[in-house]
Amino acid sequence: MKGKTAITAMMVMLTLVAFSPSAFAGCYSDWFGCCPCPREDFGQAYAMARDGQIANPDAGESLTPVGGLDGRAAVTIMKGYVESFKPKAASSGGGLTSFAITPNPGGMAP
């Protein structure tokens, strides 16, 4: 039993010694390519994405109303949109549509 405990303790110590520098590498030095401080362009991608989503950055300077659909037209469009997802009633046209496949004389041979 003592031998197993000693081996287990040794393996735990080796694991801690092996992985502790990599766990703290970014905190105090430039090991493994990690930098402890942000670069000067840190957050630039976020700022560009945020600013790109603003349709009119000067909207607060003008008090003119926004153009678009009136309420009745918008309601009609939304009702049609919702109805488009409902199953259609079966038509009495026979169910299948016939079609023909004609060979292409200049096409590839099978």
C-alpha atoms as a PDB file:
ATOM      1  CA  MET A   1       0.000   0.000   0.000  1.00  0.00           C
ATOM      2  CA  LYS A   2       2.874   2.365   0.772  1.00  0.00           C
ATOM      3  CA  GLY A   3       4.313   1.829  -2.699  1.00  0.00           C
ATOM      4  CA  LYS A   4       1.027   2.790  -4.409  1.00  0.00           C
ATOM      5  CA  THR A   5       0.654   5.895  -2.278  1.00  0.00           C
ATOM      6  CA  ALA A   6       4.217   6.993  -2.990  1.00  0.00           C
ATOM      7  CA  ILE A   7       3.780   6.474  -6.737  1.00  0.00           C
ATOM      8  CA  THR A   8       0.479   8.368  -6.714  1.00  0.00           C
ATOM      9  CA  ALA A   9       2.018  11.249  -4.758  1.00  0.00           C
ATOM     10  CA  MET A  10       4.970  11.353  -7.151  1.00  0.00           C
ATOM     11  CA  MET A  11       2.666  11.424 -10.191  1.00  0.00           C
ATOM     12  CA  VAL A  12       0.624  14.265  -8.671  1.00  0.00           C
ATOM     13  CA  MET A  13       3.786  16.274  -7.979  1.00  0.00           C
ATOM     14  CA  LEU A  14       5.124  15.677 -11.487  1.00  0.00           C
ATOM     15  CA  THR A  15       1.784  16.750 -12.977  1.00  0.00           C
ATOM     16  CA  LEU A  16       1.744  19.943 -10.921  1.00  0.00           C
ATOM     17  CA  VAL A  17       5.337  20.748 -11.819  1.00  0.00           C
ATOM     18  CA  ALA A  18       4.743  20.031 -15.491  1.00  0.00           C
ATOM     19  CA  PHE A  19       1.546  22.065 -15.914  1.00  0.00           C
ATOM     20  CA  SER A  20       1.947  24.944 -13.452  1.00  0.00           C
ATOM     21  CA  PRO A  21       4.150  27.134 -15.707  1.00  0.00           C
ATOM     22  CA  SER A  22       1.728  26.827 -18.597  1.00  0.00           C
ATOM     23  CA  ALA A  23      -1.258  27.599 -16.369  1.00  0.00           C
ATOM     24  CA  PHE A  24       0.223  30.914 -15.271  1.00  0.00           C
ATOM     25  CA  ALA A  25       2.160  31.768 -18.419  1.00  0.00           C
ATOM     26  CA  GLY A  26      -0.124  34.580 -19.514  1.00  0.00           C
ATOM     27  CA  CYS A  27      -0.145  36.224 -16.100  1.00  0.00           C
ATOM     28  CA  TYR A  28       3.420  37.399 -15.729  1.00  0.00           C
ATOM     29  CA  SER A  29       5.445  36.880 -18.886  1.00  0.00           C
ATOM     30  CA  ASP A  30       5.394  36.301 -22.589  1.00  0.00           C
ATOM     31  CA  TRP A  31       5.758  32.496 -22.460  1.00  0.00           C
ATOM     32  CA  PHE A  32       4.117  30.538 -25.271  1.00  0.00           C
ATOM     33  CA  GLY A  33       3.287  33.751 -27.148  1.00  0.00           C
ATOM     34  CA  CYS A  34       0.901  35.085 -24.484  1.00  0.00           C
ATOM     35  CA  CYS A  35       1.041  38.765 -23.645  1.00  0.00           C
ATOM     36  CA  PRO A  36       0.003  39.906 -20.153  1.00  0.00           C
ATOM     37  CA  CYS A  37      -1.181  43.304 -21.333  1.00  0.00           C
ATOM     38  CA  PRO A  38      -3.635  44.124 -24.146  1.00  0.00           C
ATOM     39  CA  ARG A  39      -2.248  45.472 -27.382  1.00  0.00           C
ATOM     40  CA  GLU A  40      -3.008  49.013 -28.514  1.00  0.00           C
ATOM     41  CA  ASP A  41      -5.668  47.783 -30.977  1.00  0.00           C
ATOM     42  CA  PHE A  42      -7.440  45.675 -28.342  1.00  0.00           C
ATOM     43  CA  GLY A  43     -11.227  45.913 -28.848  1.00  0.00           C
ATOM     44  CA  GLN A  44     -10.988  47.420 -32.313  1.00  0.00           C
ATOM     45  CA  ALA A  45     -12.881  44.519 -33.945  1.00  0.00           C
ATOM     46  CA  TYR A  46     -15.693  44.895 -31.411  1.00  0.00           C
ATOM     47  CA  ALA A  47     -15.903  48.654 -31.979  1.00  0.00           C
ATOM     48  CA  MET A  48     -15.989  48.212 -35.771  1.00  0.00           C
ATOM     49  CA  ALA A  49     -18.749  45.578 -35.557  1.00  0.00           C
ATOM     50  CA  ARG A  50     -20.795  47.745 -33.188  1.00  0.00           C
ATOM     51  CA  ASP A  51     -20.401  50.867 -35.327  1.00  0.00           C
ATOM     52  CA  GLY A  52     -21.232  48.915 -38.480  1.00  0.00           C
ATOM     53  CA  GLN A  53     -24.653  48.021 -37.090  1.00  0.00           C
ATOM     54  CA  ILE A  54     -25.733  51.613 -36.589  1.00  0.00           C
ATOM     55  CA  ALA A  55     -27.895  52.544 -39.590  1.00  0.00           C
ATOM     56  CA  ASN A  56     -27.836  56.291 -39.055  1.00  0.00           C
ATOM     57  CA  PRO A  57     -25.315  57.594 -36.540  1.00  0.00           C
ATOM     58  CA  ASP A  58     -26.706  61.156 -36.847  1.00  0.00           C
ATOM     59  CA  ALA A  59     -30.324  60.153 -36.165  1.00  0.00           C
ATOM     60  CA  GLY A  60     -30.540  62.136 -32.930  1.00  0.00           C
ATOM     61  CA  GLU A  61     -29.845  65.434 -34.690  1.00  0.00           C
ATOM     62  CA  SER A  62     -32.996  65.317 -36.834  1.00  0.00           C
ATOM     63  CA  LEU A  63     -36.575  65.218 -35.559  1.00  0.00           C
ATOM     64  CA  THR A  64     -38.157  64.199 -38.881  1.00  0.00           C
ATOM     65  CA  PRO A  65     -40.235  61.009 -38.727  1.00  0.00           C
ATOM     66  CA  VAL A  66     -38.796  57.809 -40.123  1.00  0.00           C
ATOM     67  CA  GLY A  67     -40.246  56.729 -43.483  1.00  0.00           C
ATOM     68  CA  GLY A  68     -41.643  53.263 -43.982  1.00  0.00           C
ATOM     69  CA  LEU A  69     -44.888  51.300 -44.109  1.00  0.00           C
ATOM     70  CA  ASP A  70     -47.998  52.548 -42.427  1.00  0.00           C
ATOM     71  CA  GLY A  71     -49.625  50.267 -39.850  1.00  0.00           C
ATOM     72  CA  ARG A  72     -52.385  48.854 -42.095  1.00  0.00           C
ATOM     73  CA  ALA A  73     -49.975  47.835 -44.853  1.00  0.00           C
ATOM     74  CA  ALA A  74     -47.637  46.217 -42.328  1.00  0.00           C
ATOM     75  CA  VAL A  75     -50.505  44.230 -40.767  1.00  0.00           C
ATOM     76  CA  THR A  76     -51.621  42.979 -44.187  1.00  0.00           C
ATOM     77  CA  ILE A  77     -48.088  41.902 -45.073  1.00  0.00           C
ATOM     78  CA  MET A  78     -47.606  40.114 -41.752  1.00  0.00           C
ATOM     79  CA  LYS A  79     -50.933  38.263 -42.098  1.00  0.00           C
ATOM     80  CA  GLY A  80     -49.864  37.028 -45.542  1.00  0.00           C
ATOM     81  CA  TYR A  81     -46.496  35.975 -44.143  1.00  0.00           C
ATOM     82  CA  VAL A  82     -48.094  33.981 -41.323  1.00  0.00           C
ATOM     83  CA  GLU A  83     -50.603  32.376 -43.703  1.00  0.00           C
ATOM     84  CA  SER A  84     -47.761  31.258 -45.997  1.00  0.00           C
ATOM     85  CA  PHE A  85     -46.629  28.743 -43.371  1.00  0.00           C
ATOM     86  CA  LYS A  86     -50.016  27.057 -43.000  1.00  0.00           C
ATOM     87  CA  PRO A  87     -50.581  23.877 -45.017  1.00  0.00           C
ATOM     88  CA  LYS A  88     -52.373  24.395 -48.301  1.00  0.00           C
ATOM     89  CA  ALA A  89     -55.667  22.635 -49.069  1.00  0.00           C
ATOM     90  CA  ALA A  90     -55.324  19.699 -51.462  1.00  0.00           C
ATOM     91  CA  SER A  91     -56.260  20.576 -55.024  1.00  0.00           C
ATOM     92  CA  SER A  92     -58.295  18.281 -57.254  1.00  0.00           C
ATOM     93  CA  GLY A  93     -55.823  18.491 -60.120  1.00  0.00           C
ATOM     94  CA  GLY A  94     -54.716  14.858 -59.923  1.00  0.00           C
ATOM     95  CA  GLY A  95     -51.809  15.325 -57.552  1.00  0.00           C
ATOM     96  CA  LEU A  96     -48.849  14.674 -59.883  1.00  0.00           C
ATOM     97  CA  THR A  97     -47.454  16.917 -62.531  1.00  0.00           C
ATOM     98  CA  SER A  98     -46.114  15.135 -65.592  1.00  0.00           C
ATOM     99  CA  PHE A  99     -42.852  16.108 -67.197  1.00  0.00           C
ATOM    100  CA  ALA A 100     -40.567  14.679 -69.847  1.00  0.00           C
ATOM    101  CA  ILE A 101     -36.810  14.361 -69.976  1.00  0.00           C
ATOM    102  CA  THR A 102     -35.353  14.727 -73.429  1.00  0.00           C
ATOM    103  CA  PRO A 103     -31.766  13.802 -74.237  1.00  0.00           C
ATOM    104  CA  ASN A 104     -29.353  16.559 -75.130  1.00  0.00           C
ATOM    105  CA  PRO A 105     -27.897  15.729 -78.570  1.00  0.00           C
ATOM    106  CA  GLY A 106     -24.671  17.599 -77.822  1.00  0.00           C
ATOM    107  CA  GLY A 107     -24.376  16.382 -74.236  1.00  0.00           C
ATOM    108  CA  MET A 108     -22.281  13.705 -72.603  1.00  0.00           C
ATOM    109  CA  ALA A 109     -22.885  10.058 -73.500  1.00  0.00           C
ATOM    110  CA  PRO A 110     -23.874   7.701 -70.654  1.00  0.00           C
END
